[in-house]
Amino acid sequence: MSSCLAAVVRAPVTSILIVFEMTHEFALVPPLMVAALVSQAIGRKLTKHNFYDALLEQDGQSVDHIVPPRDLHAWQEAP
């Protein structure tokens, strides 16, 4: 469940926390981390966008990612 969520939504930490909160077993965390990282790598090879970006693209929205400026002055001048 964790690896599937991590691959589709591209949120590995969230997927690990959800399963950990449901089971309350700390011994599951290391295998969940490995599974999430492997599924992330496979998901990035198979598809360009995550689930939500693919839905936006399907609806005709632009999914260009904006990189924020690194300094405060440029950040304040950004539109």
PDB file of N, CA and C in Angstrom:
ATOM      1  N   MET A   1       0.827  -1.192   0.000  1.00  0.00           N
ATOM      2  CA  MET A   1       0.000   0.000   0.000  1.00  0.00           C
ATOM      3  C   MET A   1       0.867   1.250   0.000  1.00  0.00           C
ATOM      4  N   SER A   2       1.894   1.237   0.801  1.00  0.00           N
ATOM      5  CA  SER A   2       2.778   2.387   0.904  1.00  0.00           C
ATOM      6  C   SER A   2       3.532   2.639  -0.391  1.00  0.00           C
ATOM      7  N   SER A   3       4.046   1.590  -0.992  1.00  0.00           N
ATOM      8  CA  SER A   3       4.820   1.775  -2.220  1.00  0.00           C
ATOM      9  C   SER A   3       3.926   2.210  -3.376  1.00  0.00           C
ATOM     10  N   CYS A   4       2.714   1.732  -3.428  1.00  0.00           N
ATOM     11  CA  CYS A   4       1.781   2.142  -4.479  1.00  0.00           C
ATOM     12  C   CYS A   4       1.448   3.624  -4.338  1.00  0.00           C
ATOM     13  N   LEU A   5       1.154   4.068  -3.140  1.00  0.00           N
ATOM     14  CA  LEU A   5       0.848   5.476  -2.909  1.00  0.00           C
ATOM     15  C   LEU A   5       2.060   6.348  -3.213  1.00  0.00           C
ATOM     16  N   ALA A   6       3.240   5.891  -2.820  1.00  0.00           N
ATOM     17  CA  ALA A   6       4.453   6.668  -3.073  1.00  0.00           C
ATOM     18  C   ALA A   6       4.721   6.816  -4.562  1.00  0.00           C
ATOM     19  N   ALA A   7       4.436   5.780  -5.339  1.00  0.00           N
ATOM     20  CA  ALA A   7       4.687   5.837  -6.782  1.00  0.00           C
ATOM     21  C   ALA A   7       3.658   6.695  -7.500  1.00  0.00           C
ATOM     22  N   VAL A   8       2.404   6.575  -7.132  1.00  0.00           N
ATOM     23  CA  VAL A   8       1.337   7.285  -7.849  1.00  0.00           C
ATOM     24  C   VAL A   8       1.305   8.764  -7.487  1.00  0.00           C
ATOM     25  N   VAL A   9       1.368   9.078  -6.219  1.00  0.00           N
ATOM     26  CA  VAL A   9       1.245  10.460  -5.766  1.00  0.00           C
ATOM     27  C   VAL A   9       2.614  11.135  -5.647  1.00  0.00           C
ATOM     28  N   ARG A  10       3.658  10.348  -5.592  1.00  0.00           N
ATOM     29  CA  ARG A  10       5.034  10.815  -5.407  1.00  0.00           C
ATOM     30  C   ARG A  10       5.191  11.553  -4.084  1.00  0.00           C
ATOM     31  N   ALA A  11       4.692  10.908  -3.044  1.00  0.00           N
ATOM     32  CA  ALA A  11       4.813  11.426  -1.685  1.00  0.00           C
ATOM     33  C   ALA A  11       5.264  10.286  -0.786  1.00  0.00           C
ATOM     34  N   PRO A  12       6.553   9.927  -0.822  1.00  0.00           N
ATOM     35  CA  PRO A  12       7.002   8.752  -0.073  1.00  0.00           C
ATOM     36  C   PRO A  12       6.898   8.897   1.443  1.00  0.00           C
ATOM     37  N   VAL A  13       7.203  10.067   1.964  1.00  0.00           N
ATOM     38  CA  VAL A  13       7.147  10.251   3.419  1.00  0.00           C
ATOM     39  C   VAL A  13       5.703  10.136   3.902  1.00  0.00           C
ATOM     40  N   THR A  14       4.779  10.708   3.169  1.00  0.00           N
ATOM     41  CA  THR A  14       3.374  10.616   3.535  1.00  0.00           C
ATOM     42  C   THR A  14       2.902   9.173   3.531  1.00  0.00           C
ATOM     43  N   SER A  15       3.308   8.416   2.526  1.00  0.00           N
ATOM     44  CA  SER A  15       2.881   7.021   2.461  1.00  0.00           C
ATOM     45  C   SER A  15       3.455   6.206   3.617  1.00  0.00           C
ATOM     46  N   ILE A  16       4.681   6.482   3.999  1.00  0.00           N
ATOM     47  CA  ILE A  16       5.293   5.775   5.136  1.00  0.00           C
ATOM     48  C   ILE A  16       4.556   6.124   6.424  1.00  0.00           C
ATOM     49  N   LEU A  17       4.272   7.403   6.624  1.00  0.00           N
ATOM     50  CA  LEU A  17       3.594   7.821   7.849  1.00  0.00           C
ATOM     51  C   LEU A  17       2.182   7.266   7.957  1.00  0.00           C
ATOM     52  N   ILE A  18       1.473   7.193   6.848  1.00  0.00           N
ATOM     53  CA  ILE A  18       0.109   6.662   6.886  1.00  0.00           C
ATOM     54  C   ILE A  18       0.106   5.212   7.338  1.00  0.00           C
ATOM     55  N   VAL A  19       0.987   4.402   6.765  1.00  0.00           N
ATOM     56  CA  VAL A  19       1.022   2.990   7.149  1.00  0.00           C
ATOM     57  C   VAL A  19       1.523   2.836   8.577  1.00  0.00           C
ATOM     58  N   PHE A  20       2.519   3.628   8.976  1.00  0.00           N
ATOM     59  CA  PHE A  20       3.030   3.553  10.341  1.00  0.00           C
ATOM     60  C   PHE A  20       1.958   3.936  11.356  1.00  0.00           C
ATOM     61  N   GLU A  21       1.169   4.953  11.061  1.00  0.00           N
ATOM     62  CA  GLU A  21       0.112   5.354  11.989  1.00  0.00           C
ATOM     63  C   GLU A  21      -0.983   4.298  12.087  1.00  0.00           C
ATOM     64  N   MET A  22      -1.230   3.575  11.016  1.00  0.00           N
ATOM     65  CA  MET A  22      -2.257   2.537  11.074  1.00  0.00           C
ATOM     66  C   MET A  22      -1.783   1.311  11.855  1.00  0.00           C
ATOM     67  N   THR A  23      -0.499   0.974  11.743  1.00  0.00           N
ATOM     68  CA  THR A  23      -0.003  -0.254  12.370  1.00  0.00           C
ATOM     69  C   THR A  23       0.655  -0.019  13.725  1.00  0.00           C
ATOM     70  N   HIS A  24       1.263   1.150  13.931  1.00  0.00           N
ATOM     71  CA  HIS A  24       2.016   1.472  15.155  1.00  0.00           C
ATOM     72  C   HIS A  24       3.142   0.472  15.405  1.00  0.00           C
ATOM     73  N   GLU A  25       3.754  -0.021  14.338  1.00  0.00           N
ATOM     74  CA  GLU A  25       4.896  -0.926  14.463  1.00  0.00           C
ATOM     75  C   GLU A  25       6.106  -0.269  13.834  1.00  0.00           C
ATOM     76  N   PHE A  26       7.072   0.074  14.693  1.00  0.00           N
ATOM     77  CA  PHE A  26       8.264   0.756  14.208  1.00  0.00           C
ATOM     78  C   PHE A  26       9.128  -0.161  13.347  1.00  0.00           C
ATOM     79  N   ALA A  27       9.017  -1.450  13.521  1.00  0.00           N
ATOM     80  CA  ALA A  27       9.810  -2.392  12.734  1.00  0.00           C
ATOM     81  C   ALA A  27       9.450  -2.352  11.251  1.00  0.00           C
ATOM     82  N   LEU A  28       8.293  -1.811  10.914  1.00  0.00           N
ATOM     83  CA  LEU A  28       7.888  -1.712   9.509  1.00  0.00           C
ATOM     84  C   LEU A  28       8.500  -0.515   8.794  1.00  0.00           C
ATOM     85  N   VAL A  29       9.022   0.450   9.513  1.00  0.00           N
ATOM     86  CA  VAL A  29       9.486   1.682   8.890  1.00  0.00           C
ATOM     87  C   VAL A  29      10.652   1.458   7.921  1.00  0.00           C
ATOM     88  N   PRO A  30      11.718   0.732   8.276  1.00  0.00           N
ATOM     89  CA  PRO A  30      12.800   0.536   7.296  1.00  0.00           C
ATOM     90  C   PRO A  30      12.356  -0.171   6.009  1.00  0.00           C
ATOM     91  N   PRO A  31      11.569  -1.257   6.076  1.00  0.00           N
ATOM     92  CA  PRO A  31      11.101  -1.838   4.808  1.00  0.00           C
ATOM     93  C   PRO A  31      10.182  -0.895   4.029  1.00  0.00           C
ATOM     94  N   LEU A  32       9.395  -0.092   4.731  1.00  0.00           N
ATOM     95  CA  LEU A  32       8.542   0.882   4.049  1.00  0.00           C
ATOM     96  C   LEU A  32       9.371   1.928   3.328  1.00  0.00           C
ATOM     97  N   MET A  33      10.479   2.341   3.946  1.00  0.00           N
ATOM     98  CA  MET A  33      11.356   3.321   3.312  1.00  0.00           C
ATOM     99  C   MET A  33      11.964   2.762   2.030  1.00  0.00           C
ATOM    100  N   VAL A  34      12.423   1.533   2.090  1.00  0.00           N
ATOM    101  CA  VAL A  34      13.021   0.903   0.907  1.00  0.00           C
ATOM    102  C   VAL A  34      11.972   0.752  -0.186  1.00  0.00           C
ATOM    103  N   ALA A  35      10.795   0.287   0.177  1.00  0.00           N
ATOM    104  CA  ALA A  35       9.731   0.097  -0.808  1.00  0.00           C
ATOM    105  C   ALA A  35       9.319   1.427  -1.435  1.00  0.00           C
ATOM    106  N   ALA A  36       9.246   2.487  -0.639  1.00  0.00           N
ATOM    107  CA  ALA A  36       8.859   3.794  -1.164  1.00  0.00           C
ATOM    108  C   ALA A  36       9.911   4.338  -2.121  1.00  0.00           C
ATOM    109  N   LEU A  37      11.183   4.161  -1.785  1.00  0.00           N
ATOM    110  CA  LEU A  37      12.240   4.653  -2.666  1.00  0.00           C
ATOM    111  C   LEU A  37      12.297   3.881  -3.976  1.00  0.00           C
ATOM    112  N   VAL A  38      12.124   2.573  -3.904  1.00  0.00           N
ATOM    113  CA  VAL A  38      12.132   1.762  -5.129  1.00  0.00           C
ATOM    114  C   VAL A  38      10.939   2.131  -6.006  1.00  0.00           C
ATOM    115  N   SER A  39       9.780   2.274  -5.392  1.00  0.00           N
ATOM    116  CA  SER A  39       8.599   2.622  -6.178  1.00  0.00           C
ATOM    117  C   SER A  39       8.712   4.031  -6.756  1.00  0.00           C
ATOM    118  N   GLN A  40       9.368   4.944  -6.051  1.00  0.00           N
ATOM    119  CA  GLN A  40       9.606   6.285  -6.584  1.00  0.00           C
ATOM    120  C   GLN A  40      10.447   6.211  -7.850  1.00  0.00           C
ATOM    121  N   ALA A  41      11.508   5.430  -7.804  1.00  0.00           N
ATOM    122  CA  ALA A  41      12.388   5.304  -8.967  1.00  0.00           C
ATOM    123  C   ALA A  41      11.639   4.699 -10.152  1.00  0.00           C
ATOM    124  N   ILE A  42      10.864   3.674  -9.899  1.00  0.00           N
ATOM    125  CA  ILE A  42      10.102   3.035 -10.974  1.00  0.00           C
ATOM    126  C   ILE A  42       9.035   3.986 -11.512  1.00  0.00           C
ATOM    127  N   GLY A  43       8.351   4.691 -10.630  1.00  0.00           N
ATOM    128  CA  GLY A  43       7.315   5.626 -11.047  1.00  0.00           C
ATOM    129  C   GLY A  43       7.863   6.763 -11.894  1.00  0.00           C
ATOM    130  N   ARG A  44       9.046   7.251 -11.548  1.00  0.00           N
ATOM    131  CA  ARG A  44       9.659   8.326 -12.337  1.00  0.00           C
ATOM    132  C   ARG A  44      10.101   7.837 -13.712  1.00  0.00           C
ATOM    133  N   LYS A  45      10.479   6.564 -13.815  1.00  0.00           N
ATOM    134  CA  LYS A  45      10.864   6.001 -15.118  1.00  0.00           C
ATOM    135  C   LYS A  45       9.644   5.804 -16.017  1.00  0.00           C
ATOM    136  N   LEU A  46       8.499   5.444 -15.421  1.00  0.00           N
ATOM    137  CA  LEU A  46       7.321   5.115 -16.214  1.00  0.00           C
ATOM    138  C   LEU A  46       6.493   6.325 -16.621  1.00  0.00           C
ATOM    139  N   THR A  47       6.366   7.307 -15.744  1.00  0.00           N
ATOM    140  CA  THR A  47       5.505   8.451 -16.048  1.00  0.00           C
ATOM    141  C   THR A  47       6.232   9.765 -15.805  1.00  0.00           C
ATOM    142  N   LYS A  48       5.812  10.777 -16.534  1.00  0.00           N
ATOM    143  CA  LYS A  48       6.433  12.094 -16.409  1.00  0.00           C
ATOM    144  C   LYS A  48       5.905  12.860 -15.200  1.00  0.00           C
ATOM    145  N   HIS A  49       4.599  12.781 -14.966  1.00  0.00           N
ATOM    146  CA  HIS A  49       3.964  13.563 -13.903  1.00  0.00           C
ATOM    147  C   HIS A  49       3.386  12.639 -12.836  1.00  0.00           C
ATOM    148  N   ASN A  50       3.162  13.218 -11.657  1.00  0.00           N
ATOM    149  CA  ASN A  50       2.453  12.472 -10.636  1.00  0.00           C
ATOM    150  C   ASN A  50       0.958  12.501 -10.955  1.00  0.00           C
ATOM    151  N   PHE A  51       0.170  11.862 -10.118  1.00  0.00           N
ATOM    152  CA  PHE A  51      -1.263  11.714 -10.360  1.00  0.00           C
ATOM    153  C   PHE A  51      -1.968  13.058 -10.508  1.00  0.00           C
ATOM    154  N   TYR A  52      -1.686  13.977  -9.603  1.00  0.00           N
ATOM    155  CA  TYR A  52      -2.394  15.254  -9.596  1.00  0.00           C
ATOM    156  C   TYR A  52      -1.970  16.137 -10.767  1.00  0.00           C
ATOM    157  N   ASP A  53      -0.685  16.122 -11.119  1.00  0.00           N
ATOM    158  CA  ASP A  53      -0.237  16.880 -12.286  1.00  0.00           C
ATOM    159  C   ASP A  53      -0.826  16.302 -13.570  1.00  0.00           C
ATOM    160  N   ALA A  54      -0.963  14.980 -13.634  1.00  0.00           N
ATOM    161  CA  ALA A  54      -1.567  14.349 -14.812  1.00  0.00           C
ATOM    162  C   ALA A  54      -3.038  14.748 -14.946  1.00  0.00           C
ATOM    163  N   LEU A  55      -3.753  14.858 -13.830  1.00  0.00           N
ATOM    164  CA  LEU A  55      -5.146  15.316 -13.890  1.00  0.00           C
ATOM    165  C   LEU A  55      -5.242  16.754 -14.387  1.00  0.00           C
ATOM    166  N   LEU A  56      -4.346  17.612 -13.913  1.00  0.00           N
ATOM    167  CA  LEU A  56      -4.344  19.000 -14.382  1.00  0.00           C
ATOM    168  C   LEU A  56      -4.039  19.069 -15.871  1.00  0.00           C
ATOM    169  N   GLU A  57      -3.061  18.285 -16.309  1.00  0.00           N
ATOM    170  CA  GLU A  57      -2.703  18.273 -17.725  1.00  0.00           C
ATOM    171  C   GLU A  57      -3.855  17.747 -18.579  1.00  0.00           C
ATOM    172  N   GLN A  58      -4.555  16.748 -18.069  1.00  0.00           N
ATOM    173  CA  GLN A  58      -5.708  16.194 -18.776  1.00  0.00           C
ATOM    174  C   GLN A  58      -6.812  17.236 -18.929  1.00  0.00           C
ATOM    175  N   ASP A  59      -6.950  18.117 -17.948  1.00  0.00           N
ATOM    176  CA  ASP A  59      -7.965  19.166 -17.995  1.00  0.00           C
ATOM    177  C   ASP A  59      -7.507  20.398 -18.768  1.00  0.00           C
ATOM    178  N   GLY A  60      -6.298  20.351 -19.327  1.00  0.00           N
ATOM    179  CA  GLY A  60      -5.811  21.455 -20.142  1.00  0.00           C
ATOM    180  C   GLY A  60      -5.048  22.523 -19.386  1.00  0.00           C
ATOM    181  N   GLN A  61      -4.714  22.287 -18.144  1.00  0.00           N
ATOM    182  CA  GLN A  61      -3.967  23.254 -17.351  1.00  0.00           C
ATOM    183  C   GLN A  61      -2.468  23.063 -17.575  1.00  0.00           C
ATOM    184  N   SER A  62      -1.714  24.138 -17.441  1.00  0.00           N
ATOM    185  CA  SER A  62      -0.261  24.061 -17.559  1.00  0.00           C
ATOM    186  C   SER A  62       0.318  23.551 -16.249  1.00  0.00           C
ATOM    187  N   VAL A  63       1.231  22.605 -16.334  1.00  0.00           N
ATOM    188  CA  VAL A  63       1.829  22.038 -15.126  1.00  0.00           C
ATOM    189  C   VAL A  63       3.305  22.402 -15.018  1.00  0.00           C
ATOM    190  N   ASP A  64       3.663  23.566 -15.571  1.00  0.00           N
ATOM    191  CA  ASP A  64       5.047  24.025 -15.438  1.00  0.00           C
ATOM    192  C   ASP A  64       5.329  24.328 -13.981  1.00  0.00           C
ATOM    193  N   HIS A  65       6.460  23.838 -13.507  1.00  0.00           N
ATOM    194  CA  HIS A  65       6.839  24.065 -12.116  1.00  0.00           C
ATOM    195  C   HIS A  65       7.699  25.326 -12.031  1.00  0.00           C
ATOM    196  N   ILE A  66       7.370  26.188 -11.106  1.00  0.00           N
ATOM    197  CA  ILE A  66       8.090  27.439 -10.933  1.00  0.00           C
ATOM    198  C   ILE A  66       9.125  27.244  -9.838  1.00  0.00           C
ATOM    199  N   VAL A  67      10.363  27.580 -10.137  1.00  0.00           N
ATOM    200  CA  VAL A  67      11.430  27.513  -9.151  1.00  0.00           C
ATOM    201  C   VAL A  67      11.506  28.871  -8.474  1.00  0.00           C
ATOM    202  N   PRO A  68      11.348  28.927  -7.151  1.00  0.00           N
ATOM    203  CA  PRO A  68      11.373  30.226  -6.473  1.00  0.00           C
ATOM    204  C   PRO A  68      12.776  30.822  -6.486  1.00  0.00           C
ATOM    205  N   PRO A  69      12.874  32.152  -6.472  1.00  0.00           N
ATOM    206  CA  PRO A  69      14.182  32.806  -6.413  1.00  0.00           C
ATOM    207  C   PRO A  69      14.901  32.457  -5.114  1.00  0.00           C
ATOM    208  N   ARG A  70      16.213  32.513  -5.152  1.00  0.00           N
ATOM    209  CA  ARG A  70      16.998  32.116  -3.980  1.00  0.00           C
ATOM    210  C   ARG A  70      17.247  33.255  -2.996  1.00  0.00           C
ATOM    211  N   ASP A  71      17.089  34.474  -3.421  1.00  0.00           N
ATOM    212  CA  ASP A  71      17.300  35.576  -2.484  1.00  0.00           C
ATOM    213  C   ASP A  71      15.997  36.336  -2.239  1.00  0.00           C
ATOM    214  N   LEU A  72      15.926  37.035  -1.131  1.00  0.00           N
ATOM    215  CA  LEU A  72      14.697  37.706  -0.711  1.00  0.00           C
ATOM    216  C   LEU A  72      14.304  38.830  -1.663  1.00  0.00           C
ATOM    217  N   HIS A  73      15.263  39.588  -2.152  1.00  0.00           N
ATOM    218  CA  HIS A  73      14.949  40.706  -3.044  1.00  0.00           C
ATOM    219  C   HIS A  73      14.304  40.224  -4.338  1.00  0.00           C
ATOM    220  N   ALA A  74      14.847  39.179  -4.927  1.00  0.00           N
ATOM    221  CA  ALA A  74      14.256  38.637  -6.152  1.00  0.00           C
ATOM    222  C   ALA A  74      12.885  38.030  -5.854  1.00  0.00           C
ATOM    223  N   TRP A  75      12.720  37.471  -4.679  1.00  0.00           N
ATOM    224  CA  TRP A  75      11.440  36.887  -4.286  1.00  0.00           C
ATOM    225  C   TRP A  75      10.367  37.979  -4.188  1.00  0.00           C
ATOM    226  N   GLN A  76      10.728  39.128  -3.657  1.00  0.00           N
ATOM    227  CA  GLN A  76       9.773  40.222  -3.508  1.00  0.00           C
ATOM    228  C   GLN A  76       9.405  40.841  -4.844  1.00  0.00           C
ATOM    229  N   GLU A  77      10.281  40.752  -5.836  1.00  0.00           N
ATOM    230  CA  GLU A  77      10.005  41.322  -7.156  1.00  0.00           C
ATOM    231  C   GLU A  77       9.293  40.350  -8.081  1.00  0.00           C
ATOM    232  N   ALA A  78       9.154  39.102  -7.673  1.00  0.00           N
ATOM    233  CA  ALA A  78       8.494  38.096  -8.516  1.00  0.00           C
ATOM    234  C   ALA A  78       7.009  38.394  -8.622  1.00  0.00           C
ATOM    235  N   PRO A  79       6.412  38.129  -9.788  1.00  0.00           N
ATOM    236  CA  PRO A  79       4.972  38.396  -9.939  1.00  0.00           C
ATOM    237  C   PRO A  79       4.130  37.410  -9.138  1.00  0.00           C
TER     238      PRO A  79
END
